[in-house]
Each structure stands twice: as structure tokens, then as C-alpha cells.
């Protein structure tokens, strides 16, 4: 009997150690404890851009990880106090992984991180000041850079424009650098909306730039991107899409779109959270060289010579960044 008892003790010990080596993700699934994920959107999920992609990322998490999910849309009227209140409401309902889809959530998430150490917060495009707030960014400057390269190569008037949510955005600096790189004679006109989602103002700024002679526009914003592209179409000018493939708006207007792989990265981050490996993503910047950004297929109006030059600049960019 003593031998049997020792044997059972040995078996129990081995099971303990082997279970302890099982990834956290598998333990959660075995215990039927669903992943609970909340998403805070600065705008709304129907903007056909940045916020739409964040929402699609949440849908991916729900479908592939069988997670329990919720979201809240601020419709471009978020304040720190409202952000904290909405997030705390999710936490009280049992949500333990929260995504803040934009820099606007930086202050609120860092306050919440210190208050709720058992909750994981993923902040997109902001800075982390708490150990359980994980900062992940997309390179806005490189998106602007390649949009500028396309615009600089395609302009006939040597006047190109960018309609930006805010003038200080890195996309603006990148756009100007891209245009200058390929066409030093071209002049960059800048329109500032002062909001991510003011569609009327976005159209107004686009029309101003077109009246000044811009023949290629880049809408660096969310809901108003559609208005900018439609304004370009009406003036028989061109545009470069932003965040998603926006050729569906006007196929003979959108030369190419500079996209972000938000959906896939959200899923990747959620899996990392389940494995307890979010620390590996702290401060990570997604770009063209690591799967964060892509160029869509070029429109039929773009000459093959321009496509080849853009691809050459993309290879050069990846090489300079240390990637092949």
C-alpha cells in the first residue's frame, strides 16, 4: 500500500509539473473561461477607416478565440473622464483585456493601469507609463512617406495636397519627405481638419487644395477620407487611400492605398495576452518591414514605370531598416 501511495504521489507530482508547463492560453480554454475583451473607439465603427479596422480586429478576436467582447464608440467626443468611466464600466462587467484604439486613450489608460493591476490595457499609438499598459504603434510617418512618393511621381501640376486631421501628425512630415524625395519641384499643400471625423470640414479643405491646383490628394484622417476622395473624383484629380483599401470609393481616382494590418495585429496581441507574453510587444512599432503596413494593388491609371519605382523605394526602405 505504501508503494501504491508513493506511486500515486509521484504521478500527481508529474501531472502538476506538466500542467504548469502548459501555456496560459490552453489553461484558459480547458477551464472554459472565455477571454474577455473590451474595445474603446475614438470615432465609430462605420468610418471606413481607422475605427472600422479596430472594430474588425475585435470581431476577429471574438470569432477565432471565442472571446466575450464589447465595445464603445465615442464619436470623436472622448474626454479623459469619459474614457475612464466607460472603461471602468467594462471592468466591473468582468472584462480583463481592454484596447484603446488611438492616442486619445493615453491618459485614461495610464490612470486605469495603476488603479487596476489585474487588468491588461493595450494602447494603440500612445505611450505607456504603467506596467500593465502595453503601447503598440503604427508608423504614421512611413505611411505618409509612401503616399508622398506616389503623389510626387503622379502629379502633373507639381501641386499635391494632404488633408490631415492635425497638421502636426507624422503623416504630414512623411508625405512632404516622400514628395521631395522623388519630385523636388513639387509643392505640398496642407489642409487641416482639426478633427478625425468632421466630414464637412474635410471636404471643404479638399476643395481648397484642389482649387489651388493640387491634382493628387492624401486624406490622413478617418471619416472625412471619403469626402476627400469624392472631391478629388469630381475634379478629375487623384487620391491615395488611407488605412484600408479605399479604391471602392472611386476606382478611377484612388491610385493606391497605404494600409495598416490592424485586424491581424489585434488578433496577434490577443493571443499574446492569453499566453502571458504581452511584454514582448511593449513599445513595438509596426511598419512596412514587419507586416504592419502594405500598399494595395495600383489602379489601372498608374503607369508600370511608376509602380516599379515605388517598389524600388519600398525595397530600399526595408533594406535601410535592416530587413530584406
Protein backbone atom coordinates (compact mmCIF):
# COMPACT_ATOMS: atom_id res chain seq x y z
CA UNK A 1 0.00 0.00 0.00
CA UNK A 2 2.87 2.34 0.79
CA UNK A 3 4.34 1.66 -2.65
CA UNK A 4 0.99 2.42 -4.30
CA UNK A 5 0.70 5.62 -2.27
CA UNK A 6 4.19 6.73 -3.28
CA UNK A 7 3.42 5.90 -6.91
CA UNK A 8 0.22 7.96 -6.86
CA UNK A 9 2.09 10.83 -5.24
CA UNK A 10 4.73 10.64 -7.98
CA UNK A 11 2.03 10.64 -10.69
CA UNK A 12 0.34 13.63 -9.09
CA UNK A 13 3.63 15.49 -8.91
CA UNK A 14 4.38 14.83 -12.58
CA UNK A 15 0.91 15.97 -13.59
CA UNK A 16 1.41 19.17 -11.62
CA UNK A 17 4.66 19.97 -13.38
CA UNK A 18 3.39 19.10 -16.84
CA UNK A 19 0.25 21.19 -16.27
CA UNK A 20 2.43 24.02 -15.05
CA UNK A 21 4.24 23.96 -18.40
CA UNK A 22 1.01 24.21 -20.35
CA UNK A 23 0.60 27.66 -21.97
CA UNK A 24 -1.75 30.03 -20.14
CA UNK A 25 -3.87 30.13 -23.30
CA UNK A 26 -4.61 26.40 -23.06
CA UNK A 27 -5.41 26.58 -19.36
CA UNK A 28 -8.00 29.26 -20.05
CA UNK A 29 -9.61 27.15 -22.73
CA UNK A 30 -9.66 23.99 -20.61
CA UNK A 31 -11.36 25.78 -17.73
CA UNK A 32 -13.95 27.23 -20.11
CA UNK A 33 -13.01 30.69 -19.00
CA UNK A 34 -13.52 32.85 -22.10
CA UNK A 35 -11.19 35.67 -22.95
CA UNK A 36 -12.98 38.93 -22.19
CA UNK A 37 -12.05 41.87 -24.43
CA UNK A 38 -13.29 45.44 -24.44
CA UNK A 39 -12.61 48.00 -27.18
CA UNK A 40 -12.82 51.78 -26.97
CA UNK A 41 -13.12 53.61 -30.31
CA UNK A 42 -12.43 57.31 -30.65
CA UNK A 43 -14.80 57.60 -33.62
CA UNK A 44 -17.28 54.95 -34.77
CA UNK A 45 -17.07 51.55 -36.38
CA UNK A 46 -18.57 52.73 -39.68
CA UNK A 47 -15.90 55.30 -40.60
CA UNK A 48 -14.47 53.08 -43.39
CA UNK A 49 -11.00 53.65 -41.99
CA UNK A 50 -9.14 53.53 -38.69
CA UNK A 51 -12.04 52.79 -36.35
CA UNK A 52 -13.61 50.30 -38.75
CA UNK A 53 -10.36 48.36 -38.66
CA UNK A 54 -10.25 48.40 -34.87
CA UNK A 55 -13.78 47.02 -34.73
CA UNK A 56 -12.93 44.35 -37.32
CA UNK A 57 -9.99 43.38 -35.11
CA UNK A 58 -12.38 42.84 -32.22
CA UNK A 59 -14.62 40.71 -34.45
CA UNK A 60 -11.59 38.59 -35.39
CA UNK A 61 -10.80 38.04 -31.72
CA UNK A 62 -14.40 37.05 -31.00
CA UNK A 63 -14.58 34.59 -33.89
CA UNK A 64 -11.18 32.96 -33.68
CA UNK A 65 -10.60 32.95 -29.92
CA UNK A 66 -14.27 32.55 -28.92
CA UNK A 67 -13.90 35.60 -26.75
CA UNK A 68 -16.59 37.56 -24.98
CA UNK A 69 -16.34 41.08 -26.39
CA UNK A 70 -17.81 44.53 -26.01
CA UNK A 71 -17.06 47.98 -27.42
CA UNK A 72 -17.91 51.64 -27.04
CA UNK A 73 -17.84 54.41 -29.65
CA UNK A 74 -17.04 57.99 -28.57
CA UNK A 75 -17.89 59.51 -31.96
CA UNK A 76 -14.90 61.86 -31.71
CA UNK A 77 -16.04 63.41 -28.41
CA UNK A 78 -13.92 61.50 -25.90
CA UNK A 79 -12.61 63.13 -22.73
CA UNK A 80 -10.28 61.58 -20.15
CA UNK A 81 -13.11 61.42 -17.61
CA UNK A 82 -15.50 59.71 -20.03
CA UNK A 83 -12.80 57.27 -21.11
CA UNK A 84 -12.10 56.25 -17.51
CA UNK A 85 -15.81 55.93 -16.75
CA UNK A 86 -16.55 53.74 -19.78
CA UNK A 87 -13.52 51.55 -19.21
CA UNK A 88 -14.36 51.09 -15.54
CA UNK A 89 -17.84 50.03 -16.58
CA UNK A 90 -16.30 47.30 -18.72
CA UNK A 91 -14.00 46.24 -15.89
CA UNK A 92 -16.95 45.95 -13.49
CA UNK A 93 -18.61 43.66 -16.05
CA UNK A 94 -15.58 41.36 -15.94
CA UNK A 95 -13.57 42.45 -18.98
CA UNK A 96 -9.85 41.97 -18.36
CA UNK A 97 -8.22 42.92 -21.68
CA UNK A 98 -9.02 46.41 -22.94
CA UNK A 99 -7.92 48.01 -26.23
CA UNK A 100 -7.71 51.80 -26.55
CA UNK A 101 -7.83 52.45 -30.29
CA UNK A 102 -5.82 55.67 -30.53
CA UNK A 103 -3.59 58.13 -28.72
CA UNK A 104 -6.62 59.84 -27.17
CA UNK A 105 -6.80 56.97 -24.66
CA UNK A 106 -3.25 57.51 -23.37
CA UNK A 107 -4.05 59.50 -20.22
CA UNK A 108 -7.08 57.47 -19.26
CA UNK A 109 -5.43 54.09 -19.77
CA UNK A 110 -2.36 55.02 -17.75
CA UNK A 111 -4.58 56.18 -14.88
CA UNK A 112 -6.56 52.95 -15.09
CA UNK A 113 -3.43 50.82 -15.31
CA UNK A 114 -2.22 51.99 -11.94
CA UNK A 115 -5.67 51.51 -10.39
CA UNK A 116 -6.38 48.05 -11.85
CA UNK A 117 -3.16 45.99 -11.86
CA UNK A 118 -5.07 42.78 -12.70
CA UNK A 119 -6.36 44.21 -15.99
CA UNK A 120 -4.30 44.34 -19.20
CA UNK A 121 -4.56 47.51 -21.28
CA UNK A 122 -3.35 47.74 -24.88
CA UNK A 123 -2.86 51.31 -26.04
CA UNK A 124 -2.56 51.90 -29.77
CA UNK A 125 -0.34 54.84 -30.82
CA UNK A 126 0.17 56.21 -27.32
CA UNK A 127 2.80 56.00 -24.57
CA UNK A 128 2.75 53.65 -21.60
CA UNK A 129 3.51 54.82 -18.07
CA UNK A 130 2.18 51.78 -16.19
CA UNK A 131 3.49 48.19 -16.21
CA UNK A 132 0.18 46.68 -17.35
CA UNK A 133 -0.38 49.23 -20.13
CA UNK A 134 1.17 47.97 -23.36
CA UNK A 135 1.99 50.55 -26.02
CA UNK A 136 1.85 49.39 -29.64
CA UNK A 137 2.22 51.87 -32.50
CA UNK A 138 1.81 52.12 -36.26
CA UNK A 139 4.32 54.29 -38.09
CA UNK A 140 2.35 57.23 -39.43
CA UNK A 141 5.45 58.83 -40.89
CA UNK A 142 6.19 55.93 -43.23
CA UNK A 143 2.56 55.81 -44.37
CA UNK A 144 2.80 59.46 -45.34
CA UNK A 145 6.19 58.87 -46.93
CA UNK A 146 4.97 56.29 -49.43
CA UNK A 147 1.79 58.21 -50.13
CA UNK A 148 4.05 61.18 -50.91
CA UNK A 149 6.24 59.12 -53.22
CA UNK A 150 3.19 58.06 -55.23
CA UNK A 151 1.83 61.61 -55.30
CA UNK A 152 5.18 63.08 -56.33
CA UNK A 153 5.52 60.63 -59.20
CA UNK A 154 1.95 61.04 -60.46
CA UNK A 155 1.40 64.80 -60.25
CA UNK A 156 1.19 66.76 -63.49
CA UNK A 157 0.80 70.20 -61.92
CA UNK A 158 3.59 69.77 -59.35
CA UNK A 159 0.97 70.68 -56.73
CA UNK A 160 -0.08 67.90 -54.37
CA UNK A 161 -2.11 68.03 -51.18
CA UNK A 162 -2.63 66.32 -47.87
CA UNK A 163 -5.84 66.78 -45.88
CA UNK A 164 -4.83 65.87 -42.33
CA UNK A 165 -6.78 65.62 -39.12
CA UNK A 166 -3.99 67.66 -37.49
CA UNK A 167 -1.04 69.48 -39.05
CA UNK A 168 1.45 68.04 -36.51
CA UNK A 169 0.66 64.44 -37.45
CA UNK A 170 3.71 62.38 -38.52
CA UNK A 171 1.88 61.53 -41.73
CA UNK A 172 2.28 65.15 -42.83
CA UNK A 173 6.04 65.15 -42.29
CA UNK A 174 6.34 61.81 -44.06
CA UNK A 175 4.22 62.95 -47.00
CA UNK A 176 6.37 66.02 -47.55
CA UNK A 177 9.54 63.92 -47.36
CA UNK A 178 8.20 61.40 -49.88
CA UNK A 179 7.17 64.04 -52.38
CA UNK A 180 10.53 65.81 -52.04
CA UNK A 181 12.41 62.53 -52.50
CA UNK A 182 11.01 61.86 -55.96
CA UNK A 183 9.99 65.31 -57.20
CA UNK A 184 11.86 68.31 -55.75
CA UNK A 185 9.85 70.65 -58.00
CA UNK A 186 6.54 69.66 -56.45
CA UNK A 187 4.88 71.79 -53.78
CA UNK A 188 2.89 70.26 -50.92
CA UNK A 189 -0.35 71.99 -49.90
CA UNK A 190 -1.67 71.18 -46.42
CA UNK A 191 -5.26 71.25 -45.21
CA UNK A 192 -6.06 70.77 -41.51
CA UNK A 193 -9.47 69.49 -40.41
CA UNK A 194 -8.94 69.78 -36.65
CA UNK A 195 -10.81 66.51 -36.11
CA UNK A 196 -10.65 62.89 -37.16
CA UNK A 197 -14.24 62.73 -38.24
CA UNK A 198 -15.56 66.12 -39.45
CA UNK A 199 -16.69 65.14 -42.94
CA UNK A 200 -17.90 68.58 -43.97
CA UNK A 201 -14.63 70.23 -42.95
CA UNK A 202 -12.64 67.51 -44.67
CA UNK A 203 -14.45 68.15 -47.93
CA UNK A 204 -14.01 71.90 -47.51
CA UNK A 205 -10.25 71.54 -47.07
CA UNK A 206 -10.01 69.18 -50.04
CA UNK A 207 -11.85 71.62 -52.31
CA UNK A 208 -9.49 74.44 -51.25
CA UNK A 209 -6.43 72.41 -52.18
CA UNK A 210 -7.93 71.37 -55.50
CA UNK A 211 -8.72 75.00 -56.31
CA UNK A 212 -5.05 75.82 -55.65
CA UNK A 213 -4.01 73.34 -58.30
CA UNK A 214 -3.43 70.11 -56.36
CA UNK A 215 -4.00 67.11 -58.61
CA UNK A 216 -3.25 64.37 -56.05
CA UNK A 217 -4.71 64.34 -52.51
CA UNK A 218 -3.95 62.19 -49.47
CA UNK A 219 -6.64 62.07 -46.74
CA UNK A 220 -4.83 61.43 -43.45
CA UNK A 221 -7.91 61.03 -41.31
CA UNK A 222 -10.87 58.82 -40.57
CA UNK A 223 -14.47 59.55 -41.55
CA UNK A 224 -13.61 62.50 -43.80
CA UNK A 225 -11.37 60.43 -46.11
CA UNK A 226 -14.41 59.50 -48.18
CA UNK A 227 -15.24 63.17 -48.72
CA UNK A 228 -11.68 63.99 -49.77
CA UNK A 229 -11.61 61.19 -52.31
CA UNK A 230 -15.02 62.13 -53.70
CA UNK A 231 -13.91 65.77 -54.02
CA UNK A 232 -10.86 64.60 -56.00
CA UNK A 233 -13.07 62.44 -58.22
CA UNK A 234 -15.35 65.36 -59.01
CA UNK A 235 -12.36 67.46 -60.11
CA UNK A 236 -10.85 64.54 -62.06
CA UNK A 237 -7.86 64.54 -59.74
CA UNK A 238 -6.27 61.57 -57.99
CA UNK A 239 -6.04 60.40 -54.39
CA UNK A 240 -4.08 57.92 -52.27
CA UNK A 241 -6.20 55.82 -49.90
CA UNK A 242 -5.54 55.72 -46.16
CA UNK A 243 -5.67 52.83 -43.61
CA UNK A 244 -7.78 50.49 -45.78
CA UNK A 245 -8.13 49.83 -49.50
CA UNK A 246 -10.31 52.81 -50.42
CA UNK A 247 -10.48 52.12 -54.14
CA UNK A 248 -14.13 51.12 -53.65
CA UNK A 249 -14.96 54.83 -53.24
CA UNK A 250 -13.75 55.81 -56.71
CA UNK A 251 -11.75 53.25 -58.68
CA UNK A 252 -10.51 55.69 -61.31
CA UNK A 253 -9.44 58.16 -58.63
CA UNK A 254 -7.58 56.12 -56.00
CA UNK A 255 -4.08 55.43 -57.30
CA UNK A 256 -3.21 53.05 -54.45
CA UNK A 257 -3.95 52.79 -50.74
CA UNK A 258 -1.47 52.76 -47.88
CA UNK A 259 -2.98 50.24 -45.47
CA UNK A 260 -2.49 49.07 -41.89
CA UNK A 261 -3.00 45.44 -40.91
CA UNK A 262 -4.97 46.34 -37.81
CA UNK A 263 -7.23 43.28 -37.77
CA UNK A 264 -4.40 40.77 -37.88
CA UNK A 265 -2.35 42.64 -35.29
CA UNK A 266 -5.29 42.84 -32.86
CA UNK A 267 -5.65 39.09 -33.09
CA UNK A 268 -1.90 38.64 -32.60
CA UNK A 269 -1.97 40.83 -29.48
CA UNK A 270 -4.96 38.99 -28.01
CA UNK A 271 -3.17 35.65 -28.47
CA UNK A 272 -0.09 37.12 -26.79
CA UNK A 273 -2.24 38.23 -23.86
CA UNK A 274 -3.58 34.70 -23.46
CA UNK A 275 -0.04 33.32 -23.42
CA UNK A 276 1.10 35.95 -20.94
CA UNK A 277 3.56 37.37 -23.48
CA UNK A 278 2.38 40.95 -23.97
CA UNK A 279 5.67 42.24 -22.56
CA UNK A 280 7.29 41.20 -25.83
CA UNK A 281 5.16 43.77 -27.64
CA UNK A 282 5.79 46.72 -25.33
CA UNK A 283 6.80 49.69 -27.46
CA UNK A 284 6.61 47.76 -30.73
CA UNK A 285 6.25 49.87 -33.88
CA UNK A 286 4.56 48.30 -36.90
CA UNK A 287 5.80 49.39 -40.31
CA UNK A 288 6.30 48.22 -43.89
CA UNK A 289 9.16 45.95 -42.88
CA UNK A 290 7.36 43.87 -40.23
CA UNK A 291 3.86 43.35 -41.61
CA UNK A 292 2.24 46.45 -40.15
CA UNK A 293 1.71 48.32 -43.43
CA UNK A 294 1.16 47.38 -47.04
CA UNK A 295 0.47 49.00 -50.39
CA UNK A 296 -2.58 47.68 -52.20
CA UNK A 297 -2.65 46.94 -55.90
CA UNK A 298 -2.20 50.05 -58.03
CA UNK A 299 -5.05 51.39 -60.12
CA UNK A 300 -5.03 50.83 -63.87
CA UNK A 301 -4.23 54.54 -64.41
CA UNK A 302 -0.80 54.18 -62.79
CA UNK A 303 1.95 53.51 -65.38
CA UNK A 304 4.06 50.39 -64.91
CA UNK A 305 7.16 52.59 -64.67
CA UNK A 306 5.71 54.34 -61.60
CA UNK A 307 4.77 51.03 -59.97
CA UNK A 308 8.33 49.78 -60.48
CA UNK A 309 9.84 52.91 -58.96
CA UNK A 310 7.59 52.73 -55.91
CA UNK A 311 8.51 49.08 -55.41
CA UNK A 312 12.19 50.00 -55.66
CA UNK A 313 11.77 52.64 -52.94
CA UNK A 314 9.94 50.11 -50.80
CA UNK A 315 12.78 47.61 -51.12
CA UNK A 316 15.27 50.34 -50.32
CA UNK A 317 13.26 51.35 -47.24
CA UNK A 318 13.18 47.80 -45.95
CA UNK A 319 16.89 47.39 -46.56
CA UNK A 320 17.72 50.62 -44.72
CA UNK A 321 15.57 49.41 -41.83
CA UNK A 322 17.57 46.20 -41.60
CA UNK A 323 15.04 43.96 -43.34
CA UNK A 324 15.17 42.30 -46.77
